[in-house]
């Protein structure tokens, strides 16, 4: 058994207003993790055992925080979400 992931941009679930529609869709799909964007706000949140994960934005962060990206480690011990914030020193790096 692996981990079921649900990946979406998020706009069609109106995530800028609330996460209920997104959560219910992920629940219907039996997702262990719901990965979404659209808000440009980093988020790690668990709801009824489901991880809602938004990596934020490498360019513009609407939460007033540093630009960010997300990292998920999936393994036999579970799912480990991390947010990585981009510092001024790293901004000149081209990926």
Foldseek 3Di string as FASTA:
>chain_A
DFFAEAEDQCVVQVPVVPCVSVVVVCVVVVGQEYEYEDQLAFDFDDDPNHTYGYQHAQPDHPVPFARWGKDWDTDPVGIDIDIDGADPVRPVDDD
